[in-house]
Every structure is written in C-alpha cells, then in structure tokens.
Amino acid sequence: MAAAAASIFSPFTTKTISVSPKPKLHSISALNLTGLALNKGAHAPLRTTRPVFRVCAVDEDEWGADREGDSSGVATALIAEEEPSEADGLKRALVDSLYGTDRGLKASSDTRAEIIELITHLEALNPTPAPTDALTLLNGKWILAYTSFSGLFPLLSRGTLPLVKVEEISQTIDSEGFTVQNSVQFSGPLGTTSLTTNAKFEVRSPKRVQLKFEEGIIGTPQLTDSIVLPENVEFLGQQIDLTPFKGIITSVQDTASSVVKTISSRPPLKIPITNSNAQSWLLTTYLDSDLRISRGDGGSVFVLIKEGSSLLKP
C-alpha cells in the first residue's frame, strides 16, 4: 500500500488500471492545490506554488500489450503539471502594466509607481545574482519595453509626430567580442531608417559593466516605391484630413520611385565618437532567459525582453 501511494505522487506520469470493465468516469478538470495571488494595487509577496494535478480518461490502447481484461475498459491517469512560479507571475504582471505606456513615455505617475514596485519584487527574486559571470545569458538581442531614462524621451517623442513611428528600440550584446549595439528603427510613409551606436564594454563587478561608445551609424534609408497615405492623422489632439494631399503624394511617389535604387545602394553613414566622456555604465539587477532589468546613471531603469520571448506576445 505504501509503495502504491508513493507512485501516485511521483513526478512522472503514473497510470492506474480500473478494476471494473466499465468504470464510471467523473469529470474532473483540475485540482488546484495552491493559488497565485497578485493584488495590482499592493503587490504582496507571492507564495511558492505547487504542482497542479489533473485527472483525465485514457483509452486502453495507451496501455499496450501488458493490458489485460475487457478491451472496452477505460483507465485514469494522474498527470502532474507545474503552475507558474512567483517570478513568472510577476513578469506577466509587469508586462501587463507596461501596456499603453509607449516604452515609458506616456506612463502616468501611478503607473510608474506600480511598475517600480513590480520591478523591486522581481529584483528580490533574481535567479542570476552575478550576471557578468553569465555572459552567455546576456548574449543576444534585447527589445526595450520600458524605461524611466528621460534622455530617451526626446527620441521616443519622434514617434508622436504625424506619419513617423518608432518601430523598435533594441540592444544587442556580443559576449564574445564584448560589444554592445544600441539601435532605433524609424518608419514613415516614404521608407525606414535606423540610428545605431556601437560600444565596447568592460566587466567592473558581478552586476556592473562599463560602456565606452565608439561610433554612431545612420542607416541607409530604405525607401518604398509605393506610398501608403492614411485618410487622416492625429496631431496635438486633432484629426487632420489628408485627402487633399493625395494628389501631391502621387507626384512625389513618381519621383521617389526614381531615387529608391540610388539612395538604397549607398552605405550607412558612420560617425566616429572620439569624446573620452562618451561613457556610461549599467547595473543588471534581474536576468533570466526572457527578461532583463538594468539600472543606469541617475537611477534610471530599463526593462528589456529577449527577442523571441513569449513575453513580447500580447
């Protein structure tokens, strides 16, 4: 009996055979042994979660040749599934709080306070206490989801101009070459372009790296030969009708088509950065395979999500 009881709570899937050839099935969708509570107004520490056990019907064919008895019998299987961890719940709550903030540019004071509180909870659960000793985890492309760094706000505000959009702000880390590339991608009705800075970094502590910027790059504009103009745009809270401009745009499009090949074939414009003061530092306070939280000069905070992570999906 003790051995049978132990097998039921094994971390592996265990199958038990019903004695009756026509067992009576009970519909049990899930037995939740614990809950994950998160009050959006006051984020109390969350409890450690336990596995969720689900009971489901299993057809006899799954038992193979060892199955004996009536072929019409059905058995039950006990399957252990892990609930999201405390950190996973906090990460999802953080991503939800970032919705509509335009990477922090449009965040209200209350939303900023909520975001900082969630960040503080996550930092206390940091699974990588020495990020600079885990450079392979830092490696790759990270998408900026939020920042409190006011120095980026003028750049972000460009996306509020009519017909101009900041598509993506990213940071790509090469842990083997000790390089960091910050990139901003813009788009407009005539095409796309990018602004990039390249830097070298040095490890200064288990959490801190020092950045020295070496060059800026203005990407080659990628023009389109098919200009799509919306019916109207919003500017300073007012809707502006663009219908009268469609005739002008048509003539501009004819000219744009003739210069697309010329401009797109030119190399990017590289600008060396020789100023010895063009340096900064970053302190990584949370790091896992999906999420990175860094703090910079002046107490600014950056929330970045790894490219390809499910956290980027709505």
Protein backbone atom coordinates (compact mmCIF):
# COMPACT_ATOMS: atom_id res chain seq x y z
CA MET A 1 0.00 0.00 0.00
CA ALA A 2 2.84 2.40 0.83
CA ALA A 3 4.50 1.68 -2.50
CA ALA A 4 1.24 2.32 -4.35
CA ALA A 5 0.69 5.62 -2.56
CA ALA A 6 4.22 6.71 -3.37
CA SER A 7 3.75 6.01 -7.08
CA ILE A 8 0.69 8.29 -7.26
CA PHE A 9 2.67 11.35 -6.24
CA SER A 10 5.71 10.54 -8.36
CA PRO A 11 6.85 13.48 -10.53
CA PHE A 12 6.39 11.21 -13.51
CA THR A 13 3.07 10.43 -15.18
CA THR A 14 1.55 7.38 -13.49
CA LYS A 15 -1.22 5.24 -15.00
CA THR A 16 -3.57 3.17 -12.82
CA ILE A 17 -5.82 0.46 -14.23
CA SER A 18 -9.51 0.38 -13.31
CA VAL A 19 -10.75 -2.93 -11.94
CA SER A 20 -14.23 -2.65 -13.45
CA PRO A 21 -14.53 -3.30 -17.20
CA LYS A 22 -16.94 -0.37 -17.46
CA PRO A 23 -15.72 2.15 -14.88
CA LYS A 24 -17.74 5.18 -14.01
CA LEU A 25 -15.96 8.39 -15.08
CA HIS A 26 -16.04 11.56 -13.08
CA SER A 27 -15.42 14.86 -14.87
CA ILE A 28 -12.54 16.49 -13.03
CA SER A 29 -10.96 19.33 -14.96
CA ALA A 30 -8.29 20.32 -12.44
CA LEU A 31 -7.43 20.19 -8.76
CA ASN A 32 -5.61 23.38 -7.94
CA LEU A 33 -3.62 22.85 -4.79
CA THR A 34 -2.43 26.45 -4.47
CA GLY A 35 -3.21 29.84 -5.99
CA LEU A 36 -1.17 32.72 -7.31
CA ALA A 37 -2.50 35.97 -5.83
CA LEU A 38 -1.40 39.36 -7.09
CA ASN A 39 -3.15 42.49 -5.96
CA LYS A 40 -2.45 45.12 -8.58
CA GLY A 41 -2.77 47.89 -6.05
CA ALA A 42 -0.49 46.43 -3.38
CA HIS A 43 1.89 43.71 -4.53
CA ALA A 44 2.32 41.44 -1.53
CA PRO A 45 4.95 38.71 -1.83
CA LEU A 46 3.53 35.70 -3.61
CA ARG A 47 3.52 32.21 -2.18
CA THR A 48 5.56 29.36 -3.58
CA THR A 49 3.38 27.34 -5.89
CA ARG A 50 2.91 23.59 -6.05
CA PRO A 51 2.11 21.25 -8.92
CA VAL A 52 -1.42 21.14 -10.29
CA PHE A 53 -2.73 17.59 -10.67
CA ARG A 54 -5.15 16.83 -13.49
CA VAL A 55 -7.17 13.60 -13.81
CA CYS A 56 -8.13 12.53 -17.31
CA ALA A 57 -9.54 9.49 -19.08
CA VAL A 58 -7.07 7.35 -21.01
CA ASP A 59 -8.06 4.88 -23.69
CA GLU A 60 -6.94 1.30 -23.17
CA ASP A 61 -4.71 1.38 -26.27
CA GLU A 62 -2.21 3.50 -24.36
CA TRP A 63 -1.53 0.56 -22.03
CA GLY A 64 -0.06 -1.59 -24.81
CA ALA A 65 0.38 -5.36 -24.77
CA ASP A 66 0.56 -5.58 -20.97
CA ARG A 67 -3.10 -4.57 -20.70
CA GLU A 68 -5.33 -7.45 -19.58
CA GLY A 69 -9.08 -7.74 -19.25
CA ASP A 70 -12.01 -6.36 -21.18
CA SER A 71 -10.93 -4.35 -24.23
CA SER A 72 -13.72 -1.86 -23.59
CA GLY A 73 -12.25 -0.72 -20.27
CA VAL A 74 -11.01 2.82 -19.68
CA ALA A 75 -8.38 3.80 -17.15
CA THR A 76 -7.44 7.05 -15.48
CA ALA A 77 -4.08 8.78 -15.49
CA LEU A 78 -2.71 11.24 -12.98
CA ILE A 79 -0.65 13.95 -14.65
CA ALA A 80 1.39 16.50 -12.73
CA GLU A 81 1.65 19.98 -14.25
CA GLU A 82 3.65 22.85 -12.84
CA GLU A 83 1.93 26.13 -12.05
CA PRO A 84 3.73 29.37 -12.99
CA SER A 85 6.36 30.33 -10.44
CA GLU A 86 6.21 33.52 -8.40
CA ALA A 87 8.70 35.19 -10.76
CA ASP A 88 6.65 34.15 -13.81
CA GLY A 89 3.54 35.73 -12.32
CA LEU A 90 5.39 38.95 -11.55
CA LYS A 91 6.90 39.09 -15.03
CA ARG A 92 3.48 38.75 -16.65
CA ALA A 93 2.05 41.41 -14.30
CA LEU A 94 4.94 43.72 -15.21
CA VAL A 95 4.38 43.26 -18.95
CA ASP A 96 0.67 43.94 -18.47
CA SER A 97 1.49 47.16 -16.59
CA LEU A 98 3.63 48.36 -19.50
CA TYR A 99 0.72 48.22 -21.94
CA GLY A 100 -0.06 51.64 -23.41
CA THR A 101 2.95 53.40 -21.86
CA ASP A 102 4.86 53.70 -25.19
CA ARG A 103 8.05 52.37 -23.55
CA GLY A 104 7.54 54.72 -20.60
CA LEU A 105 6.94 57.96 -22.50
CA LYS A 106 3.20 58.02 -21.74
CA ALA A 107 3.27 56.36 -18.32
CA SER A 108 1.40 58.20 -15.57
CA SER A 109 2.93 58.70 -12.13
CA ASP A 110 0.68 55.98 -10.68
CA THR A 111 1.68 53.54 -13.42
CA ARG A 112 5.35 54.33 -12.88
CA ALA A 113 4.98 53.63 -9.17
CA GLU A 114 3.27 50.32 -9.91
CA ILE A 115 5.98 49.33 -12.39
CA ILE A 116 8.78 50.17 -9.95
CA GLU A 117 7.09 48.10 -7.24
CA LEU A 118 6.88 45.08 -9.54
CA ILE A 119 10.50 45.57 -10.58
CA THR A 120 11.58 45.69 -6.93
CA HIS A 121 9.80 42.39 -6.23
CA LEU A 122 11.48 40.78 -9.26
CA GLU A 123 14.92 42.06 -8.29
CA ALA A 124 14.49 40.31 -4.92
CA LEU A 125 13.93 37.04 -6.84
CA ASN A 126 16.82 37.50 -9.28
CA PRO A 127 17.86 33.97 -10.39
CA THR A 128 21.21 35.30 -11.68
CA PRO A 129 22.90 37.17 -8.81
CA ALA A 130 26.13 37.62 -10.81
CA PRO A 131 25.06 38.46 -14.40
CA THR A 132 28.60 39.26 -15.58
CA ASP A 133 29.55 35.68 -14.70
CA ALA A 134 26.75 34.51 -17.02
CA LEU A 135 27.66 36.42 -20.18
CA THR A 136 26.12 33.78 -22.44
CA LEU A 137 22.76 34.58 -20.80
CA LEU A 138 23.31 38.28 -21.53
CA ASN A 139 24.19 37.47 -25.12
CA GLY A 140 21.73 38.27 -27.91
CA LYS A 141 19.17 40.88 -28.91
CA TRP A 142 17.04 42.56 -26.24
CA ILE A 143 13.96 44.68 -27.04
CA LEU A 144 13.35 47.76 -24.89
CA ALA A 145 9.89 47.53 -23.30
CA TYR A 146 10.14 50.34 -20.75
CA THR A 147 12.50 52.99 -19.43
CA SER A 148 12.44 55.85 -16.95
CA PHE A 149 15.53 57.40 -18.57
CA SER A 150 14.43 60.90 -19.59
CA GLY A 151 17.31 61.13 -22.07
CA LEU A 152 15.44 58.73 -24.34
CA PHE A 153 12.14 60.61 -24.20
CA PRO A 154 13.03 63.15 -26.96
CA LEU A 155 13.80 60.18 -29.21
CA LEU A 156 10.59 58.38 -28.26
CA SER A 157 8.57 61.55 -28.84
CA ARG A 158 9.57 61.45 -32.52
CA GLY A 159 7.07 58.63 -32.80
CA THR A 160 4.26 61.01 -31.82
CA LEU A 161 4.82 63.13 -34.94
CA PRO A 162 2.40 62.62 -37.84
CA LEU A 163 3.34 59.70 -40.12
CA VAL A 164 6.52 58.92 -38.09
CA LYS A 165 6.78 55.82 -35.93
CA VAL A 166 9.47 54.40 -33.67
CA GLU A 167 9.28 50.75 -34.67
CA GLU A 168 11.78 49.25 -32.27
CA ILE A 169 14.50 50.12 -29.77
CA SER A 170 16.90 47.29 -29.10
CA GLN A 171 20.25 46.41 -27.55
CA THR A 172 22.36 43.60 -28.96
CA ILE A 173 25.12 42.18 -26.77
CA ASP A 174 28.03 40.13 -28.12
CA SER A 175 29.52 38.45 -25.06
CA GLU A 176 32.50 37.07 -27.00
CA GLY A 177 33.53 40.37 -28.59
CA PHE A 178 32.49 42.43 -25.53
CA THR A 179 30.43 44.78 -27.70
CA VAL A 180 27.03 46.43 -27.29
CA GLN A 181 24.93 47.84 -30.13
CA ASN A 182 22.00 50.15 -29.38
CA SER A 183 19.61 50.58 -32.28
CA VAL A 184 16.46 52.61 -33.00
CA GLN A 185 14.33 51.87 -36.07
CA PHE A 186 12.06 54.56 -37.54
CA SER A 187 9.42 54.24 -40.24
CA GLY A 188 7.45 56.76 -42.27
CA PRO A 189 5.34 56.89 -45.43
CA LEU A 190 8.43 57.12 -47.64
CA GLY A 191 10.53 54.39 -46.02
CA THR A 192 12.51 53.26 -42.97
CA THR A 193 15.85 54.09 -41.41
CA SER A 194 17.80 53.42 -38.23
CA LEU A 195 20.15 55.10 -35.76
CA THR A 196 22.78 52.91 -34.11
CA THR A 197 25.58 53.34 -31.60
CA ASN A 198 28.35 50.81 -31.10
CA ALA A 199 30.19 50.46 -27.80
CA LYS A 200 32.72 48.25 -26.05
CA PHE A 201 32.07 47.06 -22.52
CA GLU A 202 34.24 46.02 -19.60
CA VAL A 203 33.17 43.98 -16.59
CA ARG A 204 33.60 46.02 -13.41
CA SER A 205 31.69 43.91 -10.85
CA PRO A 206 29.40 40.85 -10.72
CA LYS A 207 26.50 43.09 -11.79
CA ARG A 208 28.08 46.12 -13.44
CA VAL A 209 29.59 46.77 -16.86
CA GLN A 210 31.23 49.96 -18.15
CA LEU A 211 30.32 51.10 -21.68
CA LYS A 212 32.54 53.20 -23.97
CA PHE A 213 30.83 54.37 -27.15
CA GLU A 214 32.98 54.25 -30.29
CA GLU A 215 30.78 55.21 -33.25
CA GLY A 216 27.32 56.22 -34.37
CA ILE A 217 25.72 54.94 -37.55
CA ILE A 218 22.89 56.42 -39.61
CA GLY A 219 21.43 53.54 -41.56
CA THR A 220 20.81 53.72 -45.27
CA PRO A 221 17.18 54.77 -45.77
CA GLN A 222 15.11 52.01 -47.26
CA LEU A 223 12.61 53.85 -49.42
CA THR A 224 9.38 52.44 -50.74
CA ASP A 225 8.10 52.89 -54.27
CA SER A 226 4.52 52.52 -53.07
CA ILE A 227 3.50 55.28 -50.68
CA VAL A 228 0.52 54.46 -48.50
CA LEU A 229 -1.14 57.54 -47.02
CA PRO A 230 -3.80 57.17 -44.30
CA GLU A 231 -7.09 59.01 -44.58
CA ASN A 232 -6.24 61.15 -41.52
CA VAL A 233 -3.72 61.50 -38.71
CA GLU A 234 -3.95 62.76 -35.16
CA PHE A 235 -1.72 65.70 -34.22
CA LEU A 236 -1.89 67.65 -30.96
CA GLY A 237 -5.24 66.04 -30.19
CA GLN A 238 -6.83 66.97 -33.54
CA GLN A 239 -7.70 64.81 -36.54
CA ILE A 240 -6.13 66.13 -39.75
CA ASP A 241 -7.73 65.10 -43.05
CA LEU A 242 -5.03 64.09 -45.55
CA THR A 243 -7.35 63.59 -48.54
CA PRO A 244 -6.38 66.94 -50.16
CA PHE A 245 -2.73 65.88 -50.15
CA LYS A 246 -3.21 62.67 -52.10
CA GLY A 247 -2.66 64.38 -55.45
CA ILE A 248 0.65 65.81 -54.23
CA ILE A 249 1.68 62.44 -52.83
CA THR A 250 1.03 60.80 -56.20
CA SER A 251 3.50 63.14 -57.90
CA VAL A 252 6.02 62.66 -55.07
CA GLN A 253 5.67 58.90 -55.46
CA ASP A 254 6.70 59.11 -59.11
CA THR A 255 9.86 60.99 -58.10
CA ALA A 256 10.54 58.68 -55.14
CA SER A 257 10.44 55.63 -57.37
CA SER A 258 13.31 57.01 -59.47
CA VAL A 259 15.59 57.67 -56.48
CA VAL A 260 14.93 54.50 -54.49
CA LYS A 261 17.65 52.50 -56.17
CA THR A 262 20.20 55.32 -55.91
CA ILE A 263 19.78 56.01 -52.17
CA SER A 264 19.33 52.37 -51.12
CA SER A 265 22.63 51.40 -52.73
CA ARG A 266 24.68 53.82 -50.61
CA PRO A 267 26.49 52.53 -47.49
CA PRO A 268 25.45 53.63 -43.99
CA LEU A 269 26.95 56.86 -42.65
CA LYS A 270 29.41 56.11 -39.82
CA ILE A 271 30.37 58.83 -37.36
CA PRO A 272 33.36 58.10 -35.06
CA ILE A 273 32.87 59.06 -31.40
CA THR A 274 36.16 60.41 -30.11
CA ASN A 275 34.89 62.13 -26.97
CA SER A 276 36.52 60.43 -23.98
CA ASN A 277 33.47 61.28 -21.89
CA ALA A 278 31.15 59.21 -24.10
CA GLN A 279 30.89 56.53 -21.45
CA SER A 280 28.16 55.03 -19.29
CA TRP A 281 27.57 52.09 -17.00
CA LEU A 282 24.78 49.59 -16.50
CA LEU A 283 23.87 47.54 -13.45
CA THR A 284 21.93 44.36 -14.24
CA THR A 285 19.58 43.69 -11.33
CA TYR A 286 17.47 40.89 -12.83
CA LEU A 287 18.34 38.41 -15.55
CA ASP A 288 16.83 35.22 -16.92
CA SER A 289 16.31 33.81 -20.41
CA ASP A 290 13.31 36.10 -21.08
CA LEU A 291 13.70 39.30 -19.08
CA ARG A 292 16.46 41.71 -18.17
CA ILE A 293 16.21 44.66 -15.79
CA SER A 294 19.06 47.19 -15.68
CA ARG A 295 19.66 50.38 -13.77
CA GLY A 296 21.81 53.16 -15.15
CA ASP A 297 23.14 56.61 -14.35
CA GLY A 298 20.88 58.74 -12.19
CA GLY A 299 18.78 55.79 -11.02
CA SER A 300 17.09 55.26 -14.40
CA VAL A 301 15.64 51.81 -15.04
CA PHE A 302 15.41 49.75 -18.24
CA VAL A 303 13.17 46.73 -18.85
CA LEU A 304 14.23 44.62 -21.82
CA ILE A 305 12.72 41.42 -23.23
CA LYS A 306 14.71 38.84 -25.17
CA GLU A 307 13.88 38.65 -28.86
CA GLY A 308 11.60 35.67 -29.49
CA SER A 309 10.29 35.54 -25.91
CA SER A 310 6.61 34.81 -25.33
CA LEU A 311 6.52 37.96 -23.16
CA LEU A 312 6.58 40.00 -26.37
CA LYS A 313 3.30 38.48 -27.47
CA PRO A 314 0.10 40.33 -26.44
